[in-house]
Amino acid sequence: MCCTKHGAPAPFGGARASLGATLRHKTDFRGFNVHFIGTTIRFLWAHSTFLRSCVEFRPRVRRVPAILFLTLILLAPAWAQNAPAQEQSASLPGLPPRQHLFGDWGGERTALAEKGITFDFFYITDLEANPTGGLHQAQTGWERLRGTVDINFDRLIQWQGLSFHATGLWQSGANLGAKIGTLANPSDLVSAHTTRLDSFWVQQLFLNNKLRIRVGQMAGLDFYGNQDYGGSWLIEPMGYAFGNLFSSIFESFNPAGTPGAEVRFAPKRSFYVKSAVMSGNRDPYHQDPSGTNFEIRNSPNFLFEAGYLLHPPDDGAAGSAGSAATKTYPGSYKFGGIYNGGKFPGPAGRMSSGNYLIYGMASQALFRKEVGSNRGLDATVGFDYSQGDVSRENFQLTVGGRFNAPFAGRKNDRMGFALVYSKISDSFSNFGALLGGPPLGSEKAVELNYSLQVTPYWLVQPVFQYYVDVGANAALPNAPVFGFRTKVNF
């Protein structure tokens, strides 16, 4: 969904022009990287379109994607360990690393940021395939182009505590999870083909930033039930948020944000409570296709969360590098719930009033290799539960770990592993069996990946996933999934 998670720009003529200079001056890797990334984006753009047209592997090429993806997974750590430092920074000697493919826009990006206006643009794509197992064998791609603007009125017009946020995207592709029949989607990007304004809101801070009020259009899964370390994985319940939040309670998701309002109070930096009401649109892509109609439909969701932050950094996010003098181990612990008072069907179609979902999540740094660095091991665990008489997938458990900078010379790389357990409720399982369907229990999925930060603006992330009891159906063969993600910040 999401990420998350979640037409390519075409100004690559300058990159091609710079390639000749790169060949003449081999110590300057910047032109080469821009040219190579431009070529890669164009290739993936065309290739993912081809992948969307392929529903099943042809026998003669069935082994090729699996071999390719497995090779990427096995070679990524070695590639990362041996990559030249100058290639990692992709910058000229003596200059800071280029953070975006198109740089500082001739100084305009920095000038706007000084006035309180910041932009973020990126292209991301997941290419994945299952050579065996599941309902079908398929190879798919999902791609997204996303843009975000944030305006801080403290600087722009000196209105203290007021800010504005908006984000929109274009996305397209095929859903591998639907083809395999999994409960936990292999990619956290997939939802629907759309060009949409996802979210926009106005935010005001009060009481020395302790009280925050936000009004506008937003995605509930971005803030209630989302993973603190979400960007570390591709599988949806780990990479973005619990995968059953919309199907159980109709909590809005990215990029199908809905109208809402939120109040957050943090009397201390280490503790907060927040609550929101959001429209529980049950068919958001059809009810508001463009995201600009501000449609309030169906019954609302009432959301609540309380959280405790251990050694919080200044920005309040878990996983900070710590101070320059001591090792610190930041963590985040939160408990929340959502209630929707609308009508919900049971397994036999009988309607009942109201449904709820509760969740708990803990993310904690466990090991730090060096003082003042985040190099080391982080772990996270989470669960959610909804009543099984109206929620088909009524329980989900997520466990994950990530090792930041597994190699000393690759401080921005990361290795991740995860386990996702998804259970079908007894009520739905028993009713399905009465109708002659297979007995359904639980699905178990694991993921192993390596995030290779080739340059500050280009990420490549090979991944291996394995699904046991696909779709909670023990009769379906287990399914391995091979793939990779690539992301470019503009």
Protein backbone atom coordinates (compact mmCIF):
# COMPACT_ATOMS: atom_id res chain seq x y z
CA MET A 1 0.00 0.00 0.00
CA CYS A 2 2.38 1.98 1.42
CA CYS A 3 4.75 2.76 1.79
CA THR A 4 3.95 2.85 2.43
CA LYS A 5 5.16 2.31 0.96
CA HIS A 6 4.13 4.87 -2.75
CA GLY A 7 6.50 9.09 -16.21
CA ALA A 8 10.13 9.23 -15.23
CA PRO A 9 11.77 12.64 -15.66
CA ALA A 10 13.74 12.83 -18.86
CA PRO A 11 16.59 15.38 -18.48
CA PHE A 12 19.37 12.86 -18.99
CA GLY A 13 21.06 14.67 -21.89
CA GLY A 14 23.39 16.39 -19.45
CA ALA A 15 24.28 13.03 -17.95
CA ARG A 16 25.23 11.69 -21.37
CA ALA A 17 27.31 14.78 -22.04
CA SER A 18 29.14 14.34 -18.75
CA LEU A 19 30.08 10.75 -19.61
CA GLY A 20 32.73 11.92 -22.04
CA ALA A 21 34.29 14.11 -19.38
CA THR A 22 34.17 11.17 -16.99
CA LEU A 23 36.11 9.02 -19.40
CA ARG A 24 38.73 11.75 -19.74
CA HIS A 25 38.93 12.32 -15.97
CA LYS A 26 38.51 8.91 -14.40
CA THR A 27 38.66 10.26 -10.85
CA ASP A 28 35.29 12.04 -11.32
CA PHE A 29 32.55 9.43 -10.85
CA ARG A 30 29.64 11.86 -10.76
CA GLY A 31 28.94 11.94 -14.51
CA PHE A 32 29.18 8.16 -14.71
CA ASN A 33 26.72 7.66 -11.87
CA VAL A 34 24.16 10.11 -13.31
CA HIS A 35 24.42 8.46 -16.73
CA PHE A 36 24.21 4.96 -15.28
CA ILE A 37 21.22 5.75 -13.07
CA GLY A 38 19.42 7.42 -15.95
CA THR A 39 19.99 4.35 -18.08
CA THR A 40 18.88 2.10 -15.23
CA ILE A 41 15.63 4.03 -14.70
CA ARG A 42 14.80 3.89 -18.39
CA PHE A 43 15.58 0.17 -18.47
CA LEU A 44 13.47 -0.58 -15.40
CA TRP A 45 10.66 1.57 -16.76
CA ALA A 46 10.50 -0.49 -19.94
CA HIS A 47 11.28 -3.78 -18.23
CA SER A 48 8.63 -3.45 -15.51
CA THR A 49 6.05 -2.76 -18.23
CA PHE A 50 7.06 -6.03 -19.80
CA LEU A 51 6.86 -7.79 -16.47
CA ARG A 52 3.31 -6.60 -15.92
CA SER A 53 2.28 -8.40 -19.09
CA CYS A 54 3.76 -11.70 -17.89
CA VAL A 55 1.37 -13.70 -15.69
CA GLU A 56 3.40 -16.89 -15.61
CA PHE A 57 6.98 -17.89 -16.40
CA ARG A 58 7.59 -19.52 -19.71
CA PRO A 59 9.27 -22.90 -19.13
CA ARG A 60 12.42 -21.99 -21.03
CA VAL A 61 13.10 -18.88 -18.90
CA ARG A 62 11.63 -19.97 -15.58
CA ARG A 63 15.01 -20.38 -13.90
CA VAL A 64 16.54 -17.15 -15.19
CA PRO A 65 14.86 -14.63 -12.80
CA ALA A 66 15.47 -16.83 -9.78
CA ILE A 67 19.15 -17.26 -10.64
CA LEU A 68 19.53 -13.53 -11.29
CA PHE A 69 17.83 -12.47 -8.05
CA LEU A 70 19.71 -15.05 -5.97
CA THR A 71 22.99 -13.84 -7.45
CA LEU A 72 22.12 -10.25 -6.49
CA ILE A 73 21.39 -11.29 -2.91
CA LEU A 74 24.60 -13.29 -2.57
CA LEU A 75 26.87 -10.73 -4.23
CA ALA A 76 25.45 -7.54 -2.72
CA PRO A 77 27.45 -7.71 0.54
CA ALA A 78 30.69 -8.43 -1.34
CA TRP A 79 29.97 -5.65 -3.80
CA ALA A 80 29.26 -3.28 -0.92
CA GLN A 81 32.42 -4.24 0.95
CA ASN A 82 34.69 -3.72 -2.05
CA ALA A 83 33.05 -0.58 -3.55
CA PRO A 84 35.49 2.38 -3.75
CA ALA A 85 34.78 5.14 -1.26
CA GLN A 86 34.73 7.78 -4.01
CA GLU A 87 32.11 5.75 -5.87
CA GLN A 88 29.97 5.68 -2.73
CA SER A 89 29.87 9.45 -2.32
CA ALA A 90 29.52 10.24 -6.02
CA SER A 91 30.93 13.71 -5.40
CA LEU A 92 33.91 15.72 -6.57
CA PRO A 93 36.93 15.74 -4.23
CA GLY A 94 36.51 18.32 -1.50
CA LEU A 95 32.75 18.70 -1.99
CA PRO A 96 30.01 17.21 0.21
CA PRO A 97 28.24 14.13 -1.18
CA ARG A 98 25.49 14.83 -3.69
CA GLN A 99 22.24 14.00 -1.87
CA HIS A 100 19.96 14.17 -4.94
CA LEU A 101 20.38 13.04 -8.51
CA PHE A 102 19.80 16.56 -9.82
CA GLY A 103 21.85 18.16 -7.08
CA ASP A 104 20.92 21.52 -5.55
CA TRP A 105 19.12 22.88 -8.65
CA GLY A 106 21.80 25.52 -9.05
CA GLY A 107 21.38 26.57 -5.42
CA GLU A 108 17.58 26.95 -5.64
CA ARG A 109 16.84 23.98 -3.37
CA THR A 110 18.97 25.45 -0.58
CA ALA A 111 17.56 28.94 -1.10
CA LEU A 112 13.99 27.65 -0.80
CA ALA A 113 14.85 25.56 2.28
CA GLU A 114 16.19 28.69 3.98
CA LYS A 115 12.75 30.23 3.44
CA GLY A 116 11.06 27.14 4.91
CA ILE A 117 10.07 25.37 1.65
CA THR A 118 11.45 21.86 1.12
CA PHE A 119 10.79 19.31 -1.60
CA ASP A 120 11.27 15.58 -1.91
CA PHE A 121 10.98 13.66 -5.19
CA PHE A 122 11.79 10.01 -5.74
CA TYR A 123 11.23 7.08 -8.07
CA ILE A 124 10.96 3.58 -6.60
CA THR A 125 10.24 0.19 -8.12
CA ASP A 126 9.97 -3.39 -6.84
CA LEU A 127 10.67 -6.27 -9.24
CA GLU A 128 9.77 -9.67 -7.77
CA ALA A 129 9.08 -13.23 -8.89
CA ASN A 130 8.17 -16.63 -7.44
CA PRO A 131 9.66 -19.49 -9.53
CA THR A 132 7.63 -22.13 -7.66
CA GLY A 133 4.75 -22.43 -5.18
CA GLY A 134 1.57 -20.54 -4.44
CA LEU A 135 -1.48 -20.32 -6.68
CA HIS A 136 0.55 -19.30 -9.74
CA GLN A 137 4.12 -18.56 -10.72
CA ALA A 138 4.59 -14.99 -11.88
CA GLN A 139 7.03 -12.15 -12.24
CA THR A 140 5.80 -8.62 -11.59
CA GLY A 141 6.93 -5.07 -11.15
CA TRP A 142 5.42 -2.12 -9.30
CA GLU A 143 6.69 1.43 -9.77
CA ARG A 144 5.96 4.74 -8.11
CA LEU A 145 6.93 8.36 -8.70
CA ARG A 146 6.25 10.54 -5.67
CA GLY A 147 6.60 14.21 -4.82
CA THR A 148 6.24 16.00 -1.46
CA VAL A 149 6.33 19.64 -0.40
CA ASP A 150 6.58 20.96 3.17
CA ILE A 151 6.25 24.63 4.07
CA ASN A 152 7.38 25.94 7.45
CA PHE A 153 5.70 29.28 8.02
CA ASP A 154 8.09 30.05 10.90
CA ARG A 155 10.56 31.11 8.23
CA LEU A 156 8.29 32.07 5.36
CA ILE A 157 6.02 34.58 7.15
CA GLN A 158 7.24 34.27 10.77
CA TRP A 159 4.04 32.58 11.94
CA GLN A 160 5.36 30.41 14.73
CA GLY A 161 4.37 26.73 14.76
CA LEU A 162 2.38 26.73 11.51
CA SER A 163 3.28 24.36 8.67
CA PHE A 164 1.75 22.81 5.56
CA HIS A 165 2.33 19.41 3.96
CA ALA A 166 1.19 17.88 0.66
CA THR A 167 2.22 14.80 -1.28
CA GLY A 168 1.07 13.20 -4.52
CA LEU A 169 2.14 10.33 -6.74
CA TRP A 170 1.77 8.25 -9.86
CA GLN A 171 2.00 4.46 -9.53
CA SER A 172 1.37 1.40 -11.66
CA GLY A 173 2.22 -2.28 -11.87
CA ALA A 174 1.07 -5.78 -11.02
CA ASN A 175 0.36 -7.31 -7.61
CA LEU A 176 2.49 -10.40 -7.04
CA GLY A 177 0.75 -11.20 -3.75
CA ALA A 178 -2.62 -11.51 -5.48
CA LYS A 179 -1.14 -13.88 -8.06
CA ILE A 180 0.54 -16.07 -5.44
CA GLY A 181 -2.39 -15.87 -3.01
CA THR A 182 -0.48 -14.57 0.01
CA LEU A 183 -1.90 -12.73 3.01
CA ALA A 184 1.28 -10.70 3.58
CA ASN A 185 2.01 -8.88 0.34
CA PRO A 186 5.59 -9.29 -0.97
CA SER A 187 5.72 -5.54 -1.76
CA ASP A 188 4.57 -2.69 0.48
CA LEU A 189 4.05 -0.43 -2.56
CA VAL A 190 1.14 -2.12 -4.31
CA SER A 191 -2.46 -0.96 -4.16
CA ALA A 192 -4.08 0.48 -7.30
CA HIS A 193 -3.01 2.16 -10.50
CA THR A 194 -3.50 5.84 -9.81
CA THR A 195 -2.32 9.41 -10.20
CA ARG A 196 -3.50 10.98 -6.97
CA LEU A 197 -2.98 13.69 -4.39
CA ASP A 198 -2.45 11.45 -1.38
CA SER A 199 -2.37 13.83 1.56
CA PHE A 200 -2.42 17.51 2.45
CA TRP A 201 -2.82 19.12 5.83
CA VAL A 202 -2.23 22.22 7.91
CA GLN A 203 -0.51 21.79 11.26
CA GLN A 204 -0.21 24.17 14.21
CA LEU A 205 1.96 23.76 17.31
CA PHE A 206 1.08 25.18 20.72
CA LEU A 207 2.49 25.20 24.28
CA ASN A 208 6.14 25.26 23.26
CA ASN A 209 5.56 22.48 20.69
CA LYS A 210 3.96 20.13 23.22
CA LEU A 211 0.53 20.28 21.58
CA ARG A 212 0.00 19.64 17.87
CA ILE A 213 -3.24 19.98 15.92
CA ARG A 214 -3.39 18.69 12.35
CA VAL A 215 -6.35 19.05 9.97
CA GLY A 216 -6.68 17.96 6.36
CA GLN A 217 -6.40 14.75 4.38
CA MET A 218 -4.16 11.98 5.66
CA ALA A 219 -3.56 8.25 5.70
CA GLY A 220 -4.25 6.56 9.02
CA LEU A 221 -1.70 3.81 8.39
CA ASP A 222 1.03 6.44 8.18
CA PHE A 223 0.56 7.19 11.88
CA TYR A 224 -1.41 4.38 13.58
CA GLY A 225 -0.03 0.87 13.17
CA ASN A 226 2.96 1.85 11.04
CA GLN A 227 6.42 0.34 11.51
CA ASP A 228 9.13 2.55 13.04
CA TYR A 229 11.85 0.88 10.93
CA GLY A 230 9.53 0.43 7.95
CA GLY A 231 11.95 1.38 5.19
CA SER A 232 14.15 -1.60 6.02
CA TRP A 233 11.94 -4.26 4.40
CA LEU A 234 9.83 -4.86 1.29
CA ILE A 235 7.16 -7.20 2.72
CA GLU A 236 4.10 -5.07 3.48
CA PRO A 237 3.40 -5.69 7.21
CA MET A 238 7.07 -4.86 7.96
CA GLY A 239 7.82 -2.29 5.26
CA TYR A 240 4.80 -0.09 5.93
CA ALA A 241 2.13 -1.10 8.46
CA PHE A 242 0.07 -4.10 9.55
CA GLY A 243 -1.48 -5.59 6.43
CA ASN A 244 -4.97 -6.21 7.85
CA LEU A 245 -5.79 -2.69 9.06
CA PHE A 246 -7.86 -1.72 6.04
CA SER A 247 -9.55 -5.11 5.55
CA SER A 248 -10.53 -5.29 9.23
CA ILE A 249 -11.32 -1.70 10.20
CA PHE A 250 -11.11 0.38 6.97
CA GLU A 251 -8.28 2.54 8.27
CA SER A 252 -7.15 4.81 5.44
CA PHE A 253 -3.81 4.05 3.80
CA ASN A 254 -1.19 5.70 1.64
CA PRO A 255 -1.80 6.81 -1.11
CA ALA A 256 -5.58 6.82 -0.56
CA GLY A 257 -5.69 9.37 2.24
CA THR A 258 -9.05 10.55 3.61
CA PRO A 259 -10.24 13.68 5.47
CA GLY A 260 -9.43 13.79 9.16
CA ALA A 261 -8.16 15.69 12.17
CA GLU A 262 -5.61 14.77 14.82
CA VAL A 263 -4.52 16.08 18.21
CA ARG A 264 -1.16 15.06 19.69
CA PHE A 265 0.06 16.00 23.18
CA ALA A 266 3.61 15.34 24.36
CA PRO A 267 4.14 16.71 27.90
CA LYS A 268 7.67 15.27 27.76
CA ARG A 269 9.94 14.36 24.87
CA SER A 270 9.77 10.75 26.05
CA PHE A 271 5.98 10.39 26.17
CA TYR A 272 3.04 11.28 23.94
CA VAL A 273 -0.65 10.56 23.43
CA LYS A 274 -2.50 11.24 20.23
CA SER A 275 -6.00 10.74 18.89
CA ALA A 276 -7.65 11.29 15.52
CA VAL A 277 -10.91 10.94 13.67
CA MET A 278 -10.67 10.03 9.97
CA SER A 279 -13.17 9.19 7.29
CA GLY A 280 -13.37 5.42 6.88
CA ASN A 281 -13.98 5.44 3.12
CA ARG A 282 -14.44 1.79 2.10
CA ASP A 283 -13.73 2.32 -1.62
CA PRO A 284 -11.45 5.36 -1.59
CA TYR A 285 -10.06 5.08 -5.12
CA HIS A 286 -13.56 5.24 -6.63
CA GLN A 287 -15.06 7.59 -4.06
CA ASP A 288 -12.26 10.13 -4.60
CA PRO A 289 -10.13 9.11 -7.63
CA SER A 290 -7.97 12.23 -7.71
CA GLY A 291 -7.63 12.85 -3.96
CA THR A 292 -8.80 16.44 -4.43
CA ASN A 293 -12.53 16.06 -3.68
CA PHE A 294 -12.18 15.75 0.12
CA GLU A 295 -14.83 13.02 0.21
CA ILE A 296 -16.22 12.01 3.62
CA ARG A 297 -17.98 8.67 3.17
CA ASN A 298 -19.12 5.69 5.23
CA SER A 299 -18.54 5.46 8.98
CA PRO A 300 -15.57 7.27 10.60
CA ASN A 301 -12.58 5.72 12.32
CA PHE A 302 -11.65 6.86 15.81
CA LEU A 303 -7.94 6.29 16.45
CA PHE A 304 -5.82 6.45 19.60
CA GLU A 305 -2.17 5.80 20.44
CA ALA A 306 0.11 6.31 23.42
CA GLY A 307 3.86 5.99 23.10
CA TYR A 308 7.02 6.03 25.14
CA LEU A 309 10.37 6.97 23.59
CA LEU A 310 13.59 5.76 25.16
CA HIS A 311 16.54 8.13 24.60
CA PRO A 312 14.61 10.12 22.00
CA PRO A 313 16.60 12.26 19.56
CA ASP A 314 15.66 15.85 18.96
CA ASP A 315 13.29 14.98 16.10
CA GLY A 316 11.50 12.28 18.10
CA ALA A 317 12.32 9.41 15.73
CA ALA A 318 13.64 6.07 16.90
CA GLY A 319 17.06 4.91 15.80
CA SER A 320 19.24 8.00 16.21
CA ALA A 321 23.00 7.84 16.07
CA GLY A 322 23.38 8.86 19.69
CA SER A 323 25.63 11.48 21.22
CA ALA A 324 29.24 11.99 20.28
CA ALA A 325 30.46 10.97 23.74
CA THR A 326 28.46 7.87 24.69
CA LYS A 327 26.60 4.98 23.16
CA THR A 328 22.83 5.39 23.34
CA TYR A 329 20.12 2.86 22.63
CA PRO A 330 16.96 4.64 21.43
CA GLY A 331 13.66 2.83 21.41
CA SER A 332 9.95 3.32 20.77
CA TYR A 333 7.08 1.56 22.57
CA LYS A 334 3.49 2.21 21.60
CA PHE A 335 0.01 0.85 22.09
CA GLY A 336 -3.05 1.90 20.15
CA GLY A 337 -6.50 1.08 18.91
CA ILE A 338 -9.06 1.94 16.24
CA TYR A 339 -12.85 1.79 16.47
CA ASN A 340 -15.34 1.96 13.61
CA GLY A 341 -19.05 2.05 14.46
CA GLY A 342 -20.29 1.05 11.00
CA LYS A 343 -21.82 -2.20 9.79
CA PHE A 344 -19.52 -5.20 9.25
CA PRO A 345 -20.42 -8.56 7.65
CA GLY A 346 -19.61 -11.87 9.33
CA PRO A 347 -18.53 -14.99 7.43
CA ALA A 348 -22.15 -15.79 6.48
CA GLY A 349 -22.84 -12.19 5.45
CA ARG A 350 -24.82 -11.29 8.55
CA MET A 351 -24.25 -7.64 9.47
CA SER A 352 -23.28 -6.47 12.95
CA SER A 353 -22.56 -3.03 14.34
CA GLY A 354 -19.06 -1.87 15.18
CA ASN A 355 -15.59 -3.31 15.03
CA TYR A 356 -12.30 -2.54 16.74
CA LEU A 357 -8.62 -3.33 16.38
CA ILE A 358 -5.87 -3.02 18.99
CA TYR A 359 -2.11 -3.13 18.44
CA GLY A 360 1.17 -2.93 20.28
CA MET A 361 4.66 -2.28 18.90
CA ALA A 362 8.17 -2.08 20.31
CA SER A 363 11.33 -1.03 18.44
CA GLN A 364 14.65 -0.96 20.24
CA ALA A 365 18.35 -0.53 19.48
CA LEU A 366 20.09 -3.56 21.01
CA PHE A 367 23.73 -3.18 20.08
CA ARG A 368 26.00 -0.32 19.05
CA LYS A 369 29.45 -0.95 17.67
CA GLU A 370 30.84 2.54 18.07
CA VAL A 371 30.27 5.68 20.14
CA GLY A 372 28.26 8.35 18.34
CA SER A 373 27.15 5.97 15.59
CA ASN A 374 24.04 3.93 14.82
CA ARG A 375 26.16 1.05 13.54
CA GLY A 376 24.74 -2.07 15.17
CA LEU A 377 21.58 -4.09 15.67
CA ASP A 378 17.98 -2.83 15.96
CA ALA A 379 15.00 -5.09 16.66
CA THR A 380 11.24 -4.64 16.41
CA VAL A 381 8.15 -6.64 17.31
CA GLY A 382 4.46 -5.89 16.86
CA PHE A 383 1.03 -7.47 16.98
CA ASP A 384 -2.55 -6.55 16.23
CA TYR A 385 -5.88 -8.18 17.01
CA SER A 386 -9.47 -7.68 15.83
CA GLN A 387 -12.56 -9.68 16.73
CA GLY A 388 -12.75 -12.76 14.53
CA ASP A 389 -16.49 -12.80 13.91
CA VAL A 390 -16.20 -9.83 11.53
CA SER A 391 -12.46 -9.72 10.69
CA ARG A 392 -11.28 -12.54 8.43
CA GLU A 393 -7.57 -11.94 9.07
CA ASN A 394 -7.92 -11.08 12.73
CA PHE A 395 -4.37 -11.46 14.08
CA GLN A 396 -0.95 -10.49 12.78
CA LEU A 397 2.48 -10.73 14.39
CA THR A 398 5.64 -9.10 13.04
CA VAL A 399 9.23 -9.62 14.21
CA GLY A 400 12.25 -8.03 12.58
CA GLY A 401 15.84 -7.05 12.95
CA ARG A 402 18.26 -4.93 10.99
CA PHE A 403 22.01 -4.49 11.17
CA ASN A 404 23.07 -0.96 10.31
CA ALA A 405 26.40 -0.63 8.49
CA PRO A 406 27.33 -4.35 8.52
CA PHE A 407 30.64 -3.39 6.88
CA ALA A 408 32.80 -0.65 8.39
CA GLY A 409 33.33 1.09 5.05
CA ARG A 410 29.61 1.11 4.18
CA LYS A 411 27.99 3.23 6.90
CA ASN A 412 24.70 3.71 5.02
CA ASP A 413 24.12 0.06 4.08
CA ARG A 414 21.80 -2.21 6.03
CA MET A 415 20.96 -5.90 6.31
CA GLY A 416 17.41 -6.83 7.32
CA PHE A 417 15.50 -9.96 8.30
CA ALA A 418 11.85 -10.37 9.26
CA LEU A 419 9.10 -12.81 10.18
CA VAL A 420 5.38 -12.17 9.54
CA TYR A 421 2.66 -14.41 11.00
CA SER A 422 -0.89 -13.87 9.71
CA LYS A 423 -3.88 -15.83 11.03
CA ILE A 424 -7.38 -16.43 9.63
CA SER A 425 -10.06 -16.23 12.33
CA ASP A 426 -11.70 -19.45 13.47
CA SER A 427 -15.14 -18.18 12.48
CA PHE A 428 -14.18 -17.55 8.87
CA SER A 429 -12.08 -20.73 8.67
CA ASN A 430 -14.89 -22.94 10.00
CA PHE A 431 -17.51 -21.37 7.75
CA GLY A 432 -15.29 -21.83 4.72
CA ALA A 433 -14.80 -25.48 5.58
CA LEU A 434 -18.59 -25.97 5.84
CA LEU A 435 -18.87 -24.71 2.27
CA GLY A 436 -16.30 -27.26 1.10
CA GLY A 437 -13.26 -25.00 1.15
CA PRO A 438 -9.86 -25.98 2.54
CA PRO A 439 -9.26 -25.57 6.27
CA LEU A 440 -7.40 -22.30 6.78
CA GLY A 441 -5.00 -21.60 9.60
CA SER A 442 -2.05 -19.23 9.43
CA GLU A 443 0.55 -18.04 6.95
CA LYS A 444 4.22 -17.70 7.89
CA ALA A 445 6.56 -15.53 5.84
CA VAL A 446 10.25 -14.64 6.23
CA GLU A 447 12.39 -12.03 4.49
CA LEU A 448 16.12 -11.46 4.13
CA ASN A 449 17.45 -8.41 2.30
CA TYR A 450 20.47 -6.18 1.88
CA SER A 451 20.11 -2.40 1.35
CA LEU A 452 22.99 -1.21 -0.78
CA GLN A 453 23.32 2.58 -0.74
CA VAL A 454 25.24 2.89 -4.00
CA THR A 455 25.25 6.69 -3.75
CA PRO A 456 23.44 9.01 -1.31
CA TYR A 457 20.61 9.26 -3.84
CA TRP A 458 20.50 5.71 -5.25
CA LEU A 459 19.46 2.59 -3.31
CA VAL A 460 19.46 -1.02 -4.54
CA GLN A 461 17.91 -3.64 -2.25
CA PRO A 462 18.01 -7.35 -3.23
CA VAL A 463 15.48 -9.47 -1.31
CA PHE A 464 14.57 -13.09 -0.66
CA GLN A 465 11.22 -14.08 0.88
CA TYR A 466 9.74 -17.46 1.69
CA TYR A 467 6.04 -18.17 2.35
CA VAL A 468 4.89 -21.23 4.29
CA ASP A 469 1.19 -22.21 4.06
CA VAL A 470 0.47 -19.60 1.40
CA GLY A 471 -2.78 -17.77 2.14
CA ALA A 472 -3.02 -19.79 5.40
CA ASN A 473 -3.73 -22.85 3.20
CA ALA A 474 -1.51 -25.80 4.06
CA ALA A 475 -2.50 -27.49 0.78
CA LEU A 476 -0.72 -24.85 -1.32
CA PRO A 477 3.00 -25.40 -1.99
CA ASN A 478 5.39 -23.07 -0.20
CA ALA A 479 6.53 -20.11 -2.30
CA PRO A 480 10.00 -18.54 -2.48
CA VAL A 481 10.13 -14.98 -3.80
CA PHE A 482 13.22 -13.37 -5.30
CA GLY A 483 13.46 -9.71 -6.22
CA PHE A 484 14.98 -6.33 -5.65
CA ARG A 485 14.01 -2.73 -5.07
CA THR A 486 15.67 0.32 -6.52
CA LYS A 487 15.05 3.90 -5.43
CA VAL A 488 16.38 7.19 -6.80
CA ASN A 489 15.99 10.54 -5.02
CA PHE A 490 15.80 13.49 -7.39
